[in-house]
Protein backbone atom coordinates (compact mmCIF):
# COMPACT_ATOMS: atom_id res chain seq x y z
CA MET A 1 -0.73 1.57 -55.62
CA GLN A 2 -4.10 3.34 -54.08
CA LYS A 3 -3.55 6.58 -52.66
CA ASN A 4 -5.62 5.39 -49.68
CA LEU A 5 -3.65 1.96 -49.39
CA ARG A 6 0.11 3.75 -49.45
CA TRP A 7 -1.57 6.07 -46.00
CA LYS A 8 -2.35 2.99 -44.02
CA LEU A 9 0.79 1.64 -45.03
CA ILE A 10 2.77 4.91 -44.19
CA PHE A 11 0.75 4.72 -40.79
CA ILE A 12 1.74 0.77 -39.74
CA ILE A 13 5.14 1.83 -40.43
CA ALA A 14 5.41 4.72 -38.66
CA PHE A 15 3.51 2.83 -35.76
CA LEU A 16 5.98 -0.27 -35.49
CA ALA A 17 9.35 2.29 -36.08
CA ALA A 18 7.52 4.04 -33.09
CA CYS A 19 7.20 0.65 -30.54
CA ALA A 20 11.08 -0.21 -31.86
CA PHE A 21 12.16 3.09 -30.82
CA PHE A 22 10.91 2.63 -27.22
CA PHE A 23 11.79 -0.93 -27.12
CA VAL A 24 15.94 -0.62 -28.31
CA SER A 25 16.36 3.25 -27.30
CA PRO A 26 18.11 3.90 -23.88
CA ARG A 27 16.13 5.34 -21.17
CA GLU A 28 18.62 8.10 -20.47
CA SER A 29 21.94 9.45 -21.86
CA GLY A 30 24.62 7.24 -20.39
CA SER A 31 21.96 4.01 -20.70
CA GLY A 32 22.15 1.13 -23.38
CA LEU A 33 20.37 -0.05 -25.43
CA PHE A 34 16.75 -1.85 -24.24
CA SER A 35 17.71 -0.19 -20.81
CA ARG A 36 13.72 1.11 -20.70
CA LEU A 37 12.52 -2.06 -20.22
CA ASN A 38 12.52 -2.78 -16.57
CA LEU A 39 13.24 -6.74 -15.19
CA GLY A 40 11.37 -7.64 -12.28
CA LEU A 41 12.82 -9.96 -9.20
CA ASP A 42 12.78 -12.81 -10.56
CA LEU A 43 15.09 -12.17 -13.29
CA LYS A 44 17.38 -9.63 -12.00
CA GLY A 45 17.17 -11.27 -8.46
CA GLY A 46 16.48 -9.36 -5.25
CA VAL A 47 14.41 -9.68 -2.17
CA HIS A 48 10.95 -10.83 -1.64
CA LEU A 49 9.38 -9.94 1.48
CA GLU A 50 5.92 -11.03 3.04
CA LEU A 51 5.58 -9.44 6.34
CA ARG A 52 2.60 -8.80 8.96
CA VAL A 53 2.38 -5.41 10.42
CA VAL A 54 1.21 -6.43 14.51
CA THR A 55 -1.43 -3.55 14.63
CA ASP A 56 -2.13 -4.79 18.30
CA ASP A 57 1.36 -3.12 18.76
CA ALA A 58 -0.18 0.45 17.67
CA LEU A 59 -3.13 -0.47 19.73
CA ASN A 60 -1.56 -1.38 23.16
CA GLN A 61 0.98 1.48 22.99
CA GLU A 62 -2.35 3.75 22.30
CA LEU A 63 -3.64 2.27 25.60
CA HIS A 64 -0.45 3.12 27.82
CA GLN A 65 -0.50 6.76 26.43
CA ASP A 66 -4.23 7.12 27.19
CA ALA A 67 -4.09 5.32 30.65
CA ASP A 68 -1.00 7.99 31.62
CA ARG A 69 -3.43 10.96 30.32
CA VAL A 70 -6.64 9.80 31.98
CA SER A 71 -4.16 9.69 35.13
CA GLN A 72 -3.11 13.28 34.67
CA GLU A 73 -6.38 14.64 33.76
CA LEU A 74 -8.07 13.14 37.22
CA LYS A 75 -5.38 14.49 39.21
CA SER A 76 -5.86 17.52 37.40
CA LYS A 77 -9.23 17.89 38.80
CA LYS A 78 -8.36 16.45 42.09
CA ILE A 79 -10.20 13.24 41.70
CA ALA A 80 -8.33 10.67 44.22
CA PHE A 81 -8.23 6.95 42.33
CA VAL A 82 -5.78 4.07 43.22
CA SER A 83 -3.58 3.46 39.44
CA SER A 84 -4.47 4.03 35.93
CA LYS A 85 -3.61 1.38 33.57
CA LYS A 86 -4.04 -0.36 30.51
CA GLY A 87 -6.53 -3.34 31.54
CA ASN A 88 -6.81 -7.10 30.22
CA GLY A 89 -7.32 -7.05 26.28
CA PHE A 90 -7.71 -3.50 24.64
CA SER A 91 -8.96 -1.81 27.77
CA VAL A 92 -7.78 0.90 30.77
CA GLU A 93 -8.61 0.78 33.87
CA VAL A 94 -9.30 3.08 36.18
CA THR A 95 -9.52 1.74 39.96
CA GLY A 96 -10.05 2.84 43.72
CA ILE A 97 -11.99 6.27 42.91
CA ASP A 98 -14.15 7.42 45.86
CA ALA A 99 -17.61 6.53 45.75
CA ALA A 100 -18.06 10.78 46.30
CA GLN A 101 -16.02 11.55 43.64
CA SER A 102 -17.09 8.71 40.80
CA ASN A 103 -20.15 10.48 38.98
CA GLU A 104 -17.25 13.43 38.38
CA ALA A 105 -14.95 11.18 37.15
CA ARG A 106 -17.23 8.94 34.85
CA ALA A 107 -18.26 12.54 33.79
CA ALA A 108 -14.62 13.58 32.26
CA LEU A 109 -14.08 10.44 31.42
CA GLU A 110 -17.13 10.17 29.01
CA ALA A 111 -16.12 13.59 27.91
CA MET A 112 -12.68 13.05 26.87
CA TYR A 113 -13.29 9.71 25.31
CA GLY A 114 -16.81 9.01 24.95
CA GLN A 115 -16.32 8.60 21.25
CA LYS A 116 -13.52 6.49 21.55
CA TYR A 117 -14.20 3.80 24.30
CA THR A 118 -17.20 2.77 25.83
CA VAL A 119 -16.99 3.71 29.79
CA ARG A 120 -18.46 1.28 32.12
CA SER A 121 -17.81 1.46 35.85
CA ALA A 122 -18.96 -0.63 39.28
CA SER A 123 -18.21 -0.05 42.98
CA LEU A 124 -16.54 -1.96 45.03
CA GLU A 125 -15.76 -2.50 49.14
CA GLY A 126 -16.77 1.76 48.81
CA LYS A 127 -14.53 2.29 45.89
CA THR A 128 -15.33 3.00 41.99
CA ASN A 129 -13.49 1.01 39.20
CA ILE A 130 -13.98 2.77 35.48
CA SER A 131 -13.12 0.84 32.41
CA LEU A 132 -12.50 2.75 29.60
CA ALA A 133 -13.28 -0.66 26.75
CA LEU A 134 -11.77 0.57 23.02
CA ALA A 135 -15.03 0.80 20.41
CA GLY A 136 -15.38 -1.61 17.41
CA SER A 137 -15.55 0.66 15.20
CA TYR A 138 -12.38 3.03 16.31
CA MET A 139 -10.79 -0.57 16.71
CA ARG A 140 -11.02 -1.42 12.95
CA SER A 141 -9.89 2.43 11.84
CA ALA A 142 -7.12 2.67 13.90
CA ARG A 143 -5.69 -0.92 12.51
CA GLU A 144 -5.92 0.41 9.24
CA SER A 145 -4.01 3.36 9.46
CA THR A 146 -1.35 1.58 10.89
CA VAL A 147 -1.16 -0.70 8.11
CA ARG A 148 -1.35 2.25 5.52
CA GLN A 149 1.14 4.08 7.85
CA ALA A 150 3.34 1.30 8.14
CA LEU A 151 3.59 1.09 3.69
CA GLU A 152 4.26 4.37 3.94
CA THR A 153 6.92 4.62 5.81
CA ILE A 154 8.62 1.10 4.60
CA ARG A 155 8.21 3.23 0.91
CA ARG A 156 10.17 5.89 2.47
CA ARG A 157 12.55 4.01 3.39
CA VAL A 158 12.94 1.63 -0.01
CA ASP A 159 12.80 4.94 -1.68
CA ALA A 160 15.80 6.97 0.05
CA LEU A 161 17.87 3.66 -1.13
CA GLY A 162 17.32 3.90 -4.65
CA VAL A 163 15.68 0.58 -5.18
CA THR A 164 14.08 1.01 -8.84
CA GLU A 165 11.01 -0.28 -9.79
CA PRO A 166 10.08 -1.60 -6.06
CA THR A 167 6.84 -2.85 -5.67
CA LEU A 168 5.21 -2.92 -1.86
CA GLN A 169 1.20 -3.54 -2.03
CA ILE A 170 -1.46 -4.69 0.89
CA TYR A 171 -2.43 -7.83 0.19
CA GLY A 172 -4.15 -9.39 2.69
CA GLY A 173 -5.54 -10.27 6.29
CA SER A 174 -4.26 -13.04 8.86
CA GLY A 175 -7.88 -13.58 11.00
CA GLN A 176 -7.68 -10.01 11.57
CA GLU A 177 -10.69 -7.67 10.73
CA VAL A 178 -8.60 -5.71 8.30
CA ASP A 179 -5.94 -6.47 5.93
CA ASP A 180 -2.76 -6.45 7.44
CA ARG A 181 0.05 -8.53 5.16
CA ILE A 182 2.27 -6.17 3.09
CA ILE A 183 4.10 -7.77 0.38
CA VAL A 184 7.37 -5.90 -0.52
CA GLU A 185 9.61 -6.84 -4.03
CA LEU A 186 13.05 -5.09 -4.69
CA PRO A 187 14.91 -6.22 -7.77
CA GLY A 188 18.33 -5.52 -8.12
CA ILE A 189 19.56 -4.98 -4.89
CA ASP A 190 23.54 -6.10 -3.55
CA ASP A 191 22.81 -6.27 0.43
CA PRO A 192 19.50 -8.15 0.96
CA ASP A 193 20.44 -8.51 4.84
CA ARG A 194 21.42 -4.79 5.17
CA VAL A 195 17.95 -3.81 3.48
CA LYS A 196 16.00 -6.38 5.13
CA SER A 197 17.36 -5.26 8.36
CA LEU A 198 15.95 -1.18 7.34
CA ILE A 199 12.83 -2.20 6.33
CA ALA A 200 11.93 -3.69 9.71
CA ASN A 201 13.65 -1.58 12.23
CA THR A 202 10.96 0.15 14.04
CA ALA A 203 13.37 3.41 14.90
CA GLN A 204 11.33 4.69 17.60
CA LEU A 205 13.56 7.31 18.86
CA GLU A 206 13.01 9.08 22.15
CA LEU A 207 14.34 11.52 24.46
CA ARG A 208 14.10 10.35 28.12
CA LEU A 209 15.60 11.95 31.58
CA VAL A 210 17.56 9.38 33.97
CA LYS A 211 16.27 9.62 37.01
CA LYS A 212 18.00 12.30 38.90
CA ASP A 213 19.23 10.64 42.28
CA GLN A 214 20.17 7.41 40.79
CA SER A 215 21.52 8.33 36.98
CA GLU A 216 24.47 5.71 37.18
CA ALA A 217 24.20 2.29 35.31
CA PHE A 218 23.70 -0.65 37.16
CA THR A 219 25.12 -4.45 36.15
CA SER A 220 21.36 -5.74 36.69
CA VAL A 221 17.45 -4.71 37.29
CA ASP A 222 17.90 -6.15 40.58
CA ALA A 223 20.41 -4.16 41.17
CA ALA A 224 18.00 -1.22 40.43
CA VAL A 225 15.08 -2.41 41.68
CA SER A 226 16.82 -2.04 45.28
CA ALA A 227 18.78 0.67 45.06
CA SER A 228 15.17 2.31 44.46
CA GLY A 229 14.28 0.42 47.79
CA GLY A 230 13.02 -2.09 46.24
CA ARG A 231 10.05 -0.46 44.02
CA ILE A 232 10.77 1.56 40.78
CA PRO A 233 8.90 5.38 41.57
CA ASP A 234 5.61 5.71 39.30
CA GLY A 235 6.28 7.39 36.29
CA TYR A 236 9.78 5.55 35.72
CA GLU A 237 10.96 2.26 34.27
CA ILE A 238 14.01 0.40 33.66
CA LEU A 239 15.75 0.29 30.73
CA PRO A 240 18.38 -1.68 28.76
CA TYR A 241 21.74 0.46 28.00
CA ARG A 242 24.28 -0.54 25.37
CA GLU A 243 27.34 1.06 26.45
CA ASP A 244 30.77 0.71 24.30
CA ARG A 245 33.77 0.60 26.14
CA GLY A 246 36.81 -0.05 23.68
CA GLU A 247 36.43 -3.68 21.69
CA GLN A 248 33.74 -4.61 24.52
CA GLN A 249 30.00 -4.11 24.58
CA GLN A 250 28.83 -4.49 28.41
CA LEU A 251 24.54 -4.38 28.73
CA GLU A 252 23.37 -2.08 31.59
CA TYR A 253 20.62 -1.17 32.90
CA LEU A 254 19.17 3.19 33.40
CA ILE A 255 15.94 4.40 35.24
CA VAL A 256 14.34 6.57 33.13
CA SER A 257 11.25 8.87 32.97
CA LYS A 258 8.49 6.56 31.38
CA VAL A 259 7.44 10.00 29.42
CA PRO A 260 9.64 11.26 27.14
CA VAL A 261 10.50 14.67 26.66
CA ILE A 262 10.02 14.39 22.90
CA THR A 263 9.73 11.76 20.32
CA GLY A 264 10.62 10.93 16.51
CA LYS A 265 7.74 12.82 16.19
CA ASP A 266 9.13 15.90 17.05
CA LEU A 267 11.89 15.07 14.32
CA LYS A 268 12.68 17.20 11.29
CA THR A 269 15.46 15.54 9.73
CA ALA A 270 18.81 13.50 10.04
CA ARG A 271 21.68 12.62 9.13
CA ARG A 272 25.41 11.48 9.30
CA SER A 273 27.68 13.42 11.68
CA THR A 274 30.60 13.14 13.79
CA ASP A 275 30.93 13.09 17.24
CA SER A 276 33.89 15.46 19.39
CA ASN A 277 36.17 13.16 18.62
CA GLY A 278 35.61 13.26 14.65
CA ALA A 279 33.84 9.25 14.89
CA PRO A 280 30.74 8.52 13.34
CA ALA A 281 27.47 9.88 14.57
CA VAL A 282 23.63 10.86 13.76
CA GLY A 283 23.18 14.41 13.85
CA PHE A 284 19.24 15.24 14.59
CA PHE A 285 17.76 18.28 13.88
CA LEU A 286 13.64 18.85 15.28
CA THR A 287 10.25 20.37 14.28
CA SER A 288 9.91 24.12 16.33
CA ASP A 289 7.45 22.35 18.93
CA GLY A 290 10.36 19.79 19.30
CA SER A 291 12.79 22.37 19.71
CA ARG A 292 10.30 24.40 22.07
CA LEU A 293 10.30 21.23 24.15
CA PHE A 294 13.45 20.42 24.04
CA ALA A 295 14.77 24.11 24.97
CA ARG A 296 12.65 23.89 27.93
CA ALA A 297 13.82 20.31 29.74
CA THR A 298 17.13 20.90 28.37
CA GLU A 299 17.40 24.57 30.57
CA GLN A 300 15.34 22.87 33.69
CA HIS A 301 17.38 20.15 34.29
CA VAL A 302 20.88 21.22 33.43
CA GLY A 303 23.19 18.66 35.41
CA GLU A 304 21.35 15.72 34.86
CA LYS A 305 21.54 12.68 32.32
CA LEU A 306 19.62 12.41 29.34
CA ALA A 307 18.90 9.49 27.40
CA ILE A 308 18.86 8.63 24.20
CA VAL A 309 16.37 5.56 23.61
CA LEU A 310 16.01 3.79 20.39
CA ASP A 311 13.59 1.31 19.89
CA ASN A 312 13.73 0.89 24.02
CA VAL A 313 17.44 0.75 24.18
CA VAL A 314 18.94 3.86 25.80
CA SER A 315 22.22 4.21 22.87
CA SER A 316 23.91 6.96 24.84
CA ALA A 317 23.12 8.92 28.12
CA PRO A 318 25.23 12.06 28.00
CA VAL A 319 24.80 14.77 30.72
CA ILE A 320 23.02 18.38 30.43
CA ASN A 321 25.28 21.00 30.38
CA GLU A 322 23.73 24.28 28.97
CA ARG A 323 20.16 24.78 27.52
CA ILE A 324 19.58 23.22 23.88
CA GLU A 325 17.63 23.89 21.27
CA SER A 326 16.92 22.74 17.75
CA GLU A 327 19.41 20.03 17.33
CA GLY A 328 21.40 17.44 19.20
CA ILE A 329 23.64 14.51 18.31
CA ILE A 330 23.38 10.64 18.78
CA HIS A 331 26.81 8.83 19.43
CA GLY A 332 28.15 5.84 20.16
CA ARG A 333 30.80 3.55 17.98
CA PHE A 334 28.87 3.24 15.24
CA THR A 335 30.62 2.58 11.91
CA ILE A 336 29.95 4.97 8.87
CA GLN A 337 27.54 2.72 7.53
CA GLN A 338 25.63 2.21 10.21
CA ALA A 339 25.68 6.23 11.02
CA GLU A 340 23.93 6.33 7.48
CA ASP A 341 21.40 3.82 7.67
CA LEU A 342 20.31 5.31 11.47
CA SER A 343 19.32 8.70 9.91
CA LEU A 344 18.26 7.18 6.81
CA LEU A 345 15.92 5.28 8.99
CA LEU A 346 15.34 8.52 11.43
CA ARG A 347 14.29 10.56 8.75
CA SER A 348 11.52 8.04 7.02
CA GLY A 349 9.51 8.37 10.88
CA ALA A 350 9.26 5.20 12.52
CA LEU A 351 6.84 2.52 12.12
CA PRO A 352 3.97 2.34 14.02
CA ALA A 353 3.97 -1.70 14.70
CA SER A 354 6.45 -3.70 14.29
CA LEU A 355 6.72 -6.14 11.68
CA GLU A 356 6.40 -10.31 11.72
CA LYS A 357 8.03 -11.50 8.83
CA LEU A 358 5.97 -14.57 7.22
CA HIS A 359 7.79 -15.23 3.91
CA GLU A 360 11.27 -14.72 2.32
CA GLN A 361 12.63 -15.26 -0.53
CA THR A 362 15.83 -13.71 -2.15
CA VAL A 363 17.49 -14.46 -5.65
CA GLY A 364 20.26 -14.40 -6.64
CA ALA A 365 21.29 -12.24 -9.87
CA SER A 366 22.91 -15.67 -11.77
CA LEU A 367 19.87 -17.24 -10.56
CA GLY A 368 18.19 -14.56 -12.77
CA ASN A 369 20.31 -14.36 -15.78
CA ASP A 370 19.32 -18.49 -16.11
CA SER A 371 15.44 -17.49 -16.02
CA ILE A 372 16.24 -14.73 -18.88
CA LYS A 373 18.68 -17.39 -21.11
CA SER A 374 15.54 -20.14 -20.35
CA GLY A 375 12.98 -17.51 -21.14
CA ILE A 376 14.72 -16.16 -24.33
CA PHE A 377 15.62 -19.92 -25.67
CA ALA A 378 12.12 -21.03 -24.77
CA SER A 379 10.89 -17.93 -27.25
CA LEU A 380 12.81 -18.47 -30.22
CA ILE A 381 12.07 -22.21 -30.00
CA GLY A 382 7.92 -20.97 -29.96
CA PHE A 383 8.69 -18.42 -32.38
CA GLY A 384 10.44 -20.90 -34.87
CA LEU A 385 8.02 -23.57 -34.67
CA VAL A 386 5.36 -20.99 -35.34
CA VAL A 387 7.03 -19.95 -38.19
CA ILE A 388 7.72 -23.39 -39.47
CA GLY A 389 4.14 -24.61 -39.87
CA MET A 390 2.80 -21.14 -40.91
CA LEU A 391 4.84 -21.76 -43.95
CA VAL A 392 4.23 -25.05 -44.51
CA TYR A 393 0.87 -25.24 -44.33
CA TYR A 394 -0.28 -21.54 -45.83
CA ARG A 395 2.89 -21.27 -48.02
CA GLN A 396 3.01 -18.35 -49.14
CA SER A 397 0.67 -16.09 -47.31
CA GLY A 398 1.90 -17.85 -44.30
CA VAL A 399 4.71 -15.09 -44.96
CA ASN A 400 1.87 -12.60 -44.34
CA ALA A 401 0.89 -14.40 -40.56
CA VAL A 402 5.12 -14.03 -39.66
CA VAL A 403 4.93 -10.37 -40.53
CA CYS A 404 1.53 -10.02 -38.39
CA LEU A 405 3.70 -11.89 -36.04
CA LEU A 406 7.02 -9.75 -35.98
CA ALA A 407 4.60 -6.78 -35.58
CA ASN A 408 3.11 -8.14 -32.23
CA LEU A 409 6.06 -8.94 -30.76
CA LEU A 410 7.31 -5.26 -31.43
CA ILE A 411 4.40 -3.79 -30.60
CA LEU A 412 4.72 -6.00 -26.91
CA MET A 413 7.92 -5.27 -26.23
CA GLY A 414 7.52 -1.15 -27.62
CA PHE A 415 4.75 -1.18 -25.02
CA MET A 416 6.32 -2.18 -22.37
CA GLY A 417 9.40 -0.06 -23.02
CA ALA A 418 7.92 2.75 -23.59
CA VAL A 419 5.55 2.61 -19.85
CA GLY A 420 8.49 1.59 -17.92
CA ALA A 421 7.05 -1.89 -17.17
CA THR A 422 8.59 -4.77 -15.45
CA LEU A 423 9.64 -7.84 -17.20
CA THR A 424 9.10 -11.10 -14.99
CA LEU A 425 9.50 -14.83 -15.99
CA PRO A 426 5.66 -14.65 -15.79
CA GLY A 427 5.64 -11.98 -18.21
CA ILE A 428 8.26 -13.96 -20.46
CA ALA A 429 5.68 -16.82 -19.86
CA GLY A 430 2.73 -14.69 -21.54
CA ILE A 431 5.09 -13.68 -24.18
CA ILE A 432 5.25 -16.87 -25.15
CA LEU A 433 1.81 -17.61 -24.97
CA THR A 434 1.07 -14.57 -27.45
CA ILE A 435 3.18 -16.25 -29.88
CA GLY A 436 1.20 -18.90 -29.67
CA MET A 437 -2.39 -17.17 -29.83
CA ALA A 438 -0.95 -14.58 -32.38
CA VAL A 439 -1.15 -17.09 -35.42
CA ASP A 440 -4.88 -17.99 -34.34
CA ALA A 441 -6.17 -15.06 -35.66
CA ASN A 442 -4.72 -15.25 -38.73
CA ILE A 443 -5.75 -19.30 -39.38
CA LEU A 444 -9.74 -18.40 -38.49
CA ILE A 445 -9.01 -16.10 -41.45
CA PHE A 446 -7.13 -18.20 -44.04
CA GLU A 447 -9.18 -21.13 -43.12
CA ARG A 448 -12.36 -18.92 -44.04
CA ILE A 449 -10.63 -17.62 -47.74
CA ARG A 450 -10.37 -21.19 -48.10
CA GLU A 451 -13.88 -22.10 -47.97
CA GLU A 452 -14.82 -18.60 -50.09
CA LEU A 453 -12.01 -20.02 -53.07
CA ARG A 454 -13.52 -23.44 -52.96
CA SER A 455 -16.98 -22.20 -52.66
CA GLY A 456 -16.20 -20.05 -56.24
CA LYS A 457 -15.25 -16.83 -54.84
CA THR A 458 -12.72 -14.80 -56.89
CA VAL A 459 -9.68 -13.67 -54.75
CA ARG A 460 -10.51 -10.50 -54.09
CA ALA A 461 -13.98 -11.30 -52.73
CA ALA A 462 -13.07 -14.52 -51.23
CA ILE A 463 -10.34 -12.30 -49.13
CA ASP A 464 -13.48 -9.53 -48.06
CA MET A 465 -15.35 -12.34 -46.99
CA GLY A 466 -12.96 -13.86 -45.17
CA PHE A 467 -11.96 -10.25 -43.12
CA GLY A 468 -15.27 -9.11 -42.66
CA LYS A 469 -17.26 -12.94 -41.32
CA VAL A 470 -14.46 -13.59 -38.87
CA PHE A 471 -13.84 -10.31 -37.21
CA TRP A 472 -16.56 -11.05 -34.49
CA THR A 473 -15.78 -14.27 -33.50
CA ILE A 474 -12.16 -13.34 -33.33
CA PHE A 475 -13.75 -10.35 -31.42
CA ASP A 476 -14.93 -12.21 -29.05
CA SER A 477 -12.73 -15.05 -28.83
CA ASN A 478 -10.13 -12.32 -27.58
CA VAL A 479 -12.33 -10.18 -25.23
CA THR A 480 -13.50 -13.39 -22.88
CA THR A 481 -9.45 -13.60 -22.31
CA LEU A 482 -8.87 -9.85 -21.56
CA ILE A 483 -11.29 -10.46 -18.89
CA ALA A 484 -9.67 -13.25 -16.91
CA ALA A 485 -6.33 -11.09 -17.70
CA ALA A 486 -8.28 -8.40 -15.91
CA PHE A 487 -9.16 -10.19 -13.05
CA LEU A 488 -5.48 -11.66 -13.06
CA PHE A 489 -4.34 -7.98 -12.59
CA GLN A 490 -6.71 -6.84 -10.11
CA PHE A 491 -6.08 -9.67 -8.01
CA GLY A 492 -2.76 -11.03 -8.54
CA THR A 493 0.54 -9.49 -6.76
CA GLY A 494 3.60 -8.87 -9.11
CA PRO A 495 4.84 -11.63 -11.09
CA ILE A 496 1.14 -12.37 -11.58
CA LYS A 497 0.69 -9.24 -12.97
CA GLY A 498 3.70 -9.29 -15.29
CA PHE A 499 1.94 -11.80 -17.18
CA ALA A 500 -1.12 -10.59 -16.90
CA VAL A 501 0.09 -7.07 -18.60
CA THR A 502 1.92 -9.22 -21.58
CA LEU A 503 -1.44 -11.14 -22.06
CA THR A 504 -3.21 -8.12 -22.64
CA VAL A 505 -1.12 -5.89 -24.32
CA GLY A 506 -0.38 -9.20 -26.42
CA LEU A 507 -3.60 -9.98 -27.33
CA LEU A 508 -4.76 -6.10 -28.29
CA ALA A 509 -1.41 -6.02 -30.11
CA ASN A 510 -2.69 -9.77 -32.23
CA MET A 511 -6.59 -8.14 -32.82
CA PHE A 512 -4.30 -5.18 -34.62
CA THR A 513 -1.96 -7.07 -36.28
CA ALA A 514 -4.25 -10.06 -37.81
CA ILE A 515 -7.38 -7.91 -38.74
CA TYR A 516 -5.52 -4.33 -40.12
CA VAL A 517 -1.81 -5.22 -40.79
CA SER A 518 -2.49 -8.90 -42.09
CA ARG A 519 -5.57 -7.13 -45.08
CA ARG A 520 -3.44 -4.53 -45.93
CA MET A 521 -0.90 -6.80 -46.85
CA PHE A 522 -3.07 -8.80 -49.16
CA GLU A 523 -4.19 -5.20 -50.46
CA LEU A 524 -0.46 -4.50 -50.91
CA ILE A 525 0.33 -8.25 -53.35
CA LEU A 526 -3.21 -7.85 -54.88
CA GLY A 527 -3.20 -4.53 -56.03
CA ASN A 528 -4.99 -3.37 -59.30
CA ARG A 529 -4.15 -5.94 -60.69
CA ARG A 530 -6.53 -9.19 -61.37
CA VAL A 531 -5.60 -12.29 -59.47
CA GLU A 532 -6.87 -15.83 -60.51
CA ALA A 533 -5.84 -17.30 -57.65
CA LEU A 534 -4.09 -17.21 -54.05
CA SER A 535 -1.24 -19.53 -52.48
CA ILE A 536 -3.12 -20.49 -49.06
C-alpha cells in the first residue's frame, strides 16, 4: 500500500470513529446511549405556542404613569389645572390651566417631555388645554423594547422550569409596525397546562396602601362608591379582593391608592415559604432602594392596611404592625405547587404587556414515538432501495457507493450529536432526502468512469478522469442546494430549521464521501497492481 494512501485511510477511519463516538456515546454520566441527540417537539411531545405581545398595554400603562407625573410636576410648580389624564389614542390631556399660567405650564412640559411627546395647546373660555401626543419614533422604539423584554421574561421562566432545548424567537408582526409575535416550543414537558399558565401570566406585583378611613372590604363596587360619598377620591381606585374563607372564595372590593409603595421592579428575589400557621406562602425580598421605600412607607402608616396586589387583584391586605424593611410575605390558601409557581413568576419578573394566544398545539409523547418509528421505518426502506439499486446497476463498484452512503449518515448523525442539535420530524425528512442525494455524486462519477473506459482508457486513467472532470459539476449542484437550505434556516421556524440543518450537513458530508472517500477506496482496490477490468 502506498504510504500516502495509508495516512489518508487512517484519517478517514479516525474521522468516522469520532463521528460514531459523538453519535452513540452518552451526553453525561448516567445518561443512555444516543442521548447527545435531542428530540424536537414533534418527536418528544410538548407544547407549541404562538403568542402576540399586546404592545398597546405597555404604551397605555406608560401614558397613565406620565399623566400622574405631569400632575405632580404642575402641582409642585403651583400651576392650577383641572385634570391630567390619558387622552384618546396615545396622548396625555391636561385641562383647565389658567390662561395666565399657560405659557409657564407649556414650557415646563416641553422641558420634561419634549423628546418624547409632541406638545400642543389650545385655549377655550379663558382656560388652556395642553395635549401631549407620543412621538412616532418613540412609540416604535417602545414597542420593540416591550417585545424584547417579553421574550427575555418568558425565557427566564422557561429556564427556571428546566425545559431542555426550548425554542423561543420573535418571528413576525400582526399589522403593527414592529414584529410582535413570539414562537415558543417546549419539548418534553409533562404538565402543559401549568407551563402555559406560567408563561402567559403577567405577574405584576404591587404593594398599595388601603384607604385609611375605608379599610374594610366591600361586597360590591357600588357599596364602595356609596361609602365614599358617591365618588372615589383622586389618587384612589377600587380593586377586587379575593379573600379565602375556609373552602369558599368570596370576591370583595377594596379602595386602594393608585400609586404603589413598591412594585415588582423593587423585588430582589422570591421563594416559597410558610405563614404563621405553617401553610404555604411566598416570601419576597427587596432591593436596597425597595427596602428604603418600604421601610419609610410602613413606618409612616403603622396600623393601616397594605394591599398586596397581583395583576390588579388584591391577594391579601394585612395590617402594618411595625416598620418593615427588606422582606415580606404573601399569604393565602396556596398549595405548595401554587406557592412555587408564584415565587418563580416573581423571580423572573413581570411581563411588560399581556400576551394574546394566537395558536396552540400540544403534541403527546405517544404521537411523538409513532413519528420516530415511522421516520426510522421510512429511512430503512429508502436506504434499502438505494443499496439494492446501486449493487444491481454498478455491481462491485456499487459497494463503494454503499460504504460512502453509510459514512455519510454517520457523519451527519455524529455532527448533530456533537453540537447537541435537535432532531425534528422535518429533520428526519431531510435525512431521508440526504439518503437519496448521497449517491447522486457517485452516479455522476461512475457514469463518467464508464464513458472513459468505453473510449479505451485504462482503468486507472478512467478513474482519474472520472473524478477530475465531474468535481465542478458536483460542486455546483450541491452549492445551489446549500443556498436554498441557508434561506430555509434563516427565515424558517424551528422544524424548518431542523430540515435545513440536516440537509446542509448531509450535502457537505456527501461531497466529502463521494469525492474523497470514494476515490481512496478505488485507490485501495487498485493498489500497485495493473488492473485490466473494473466491475462497474
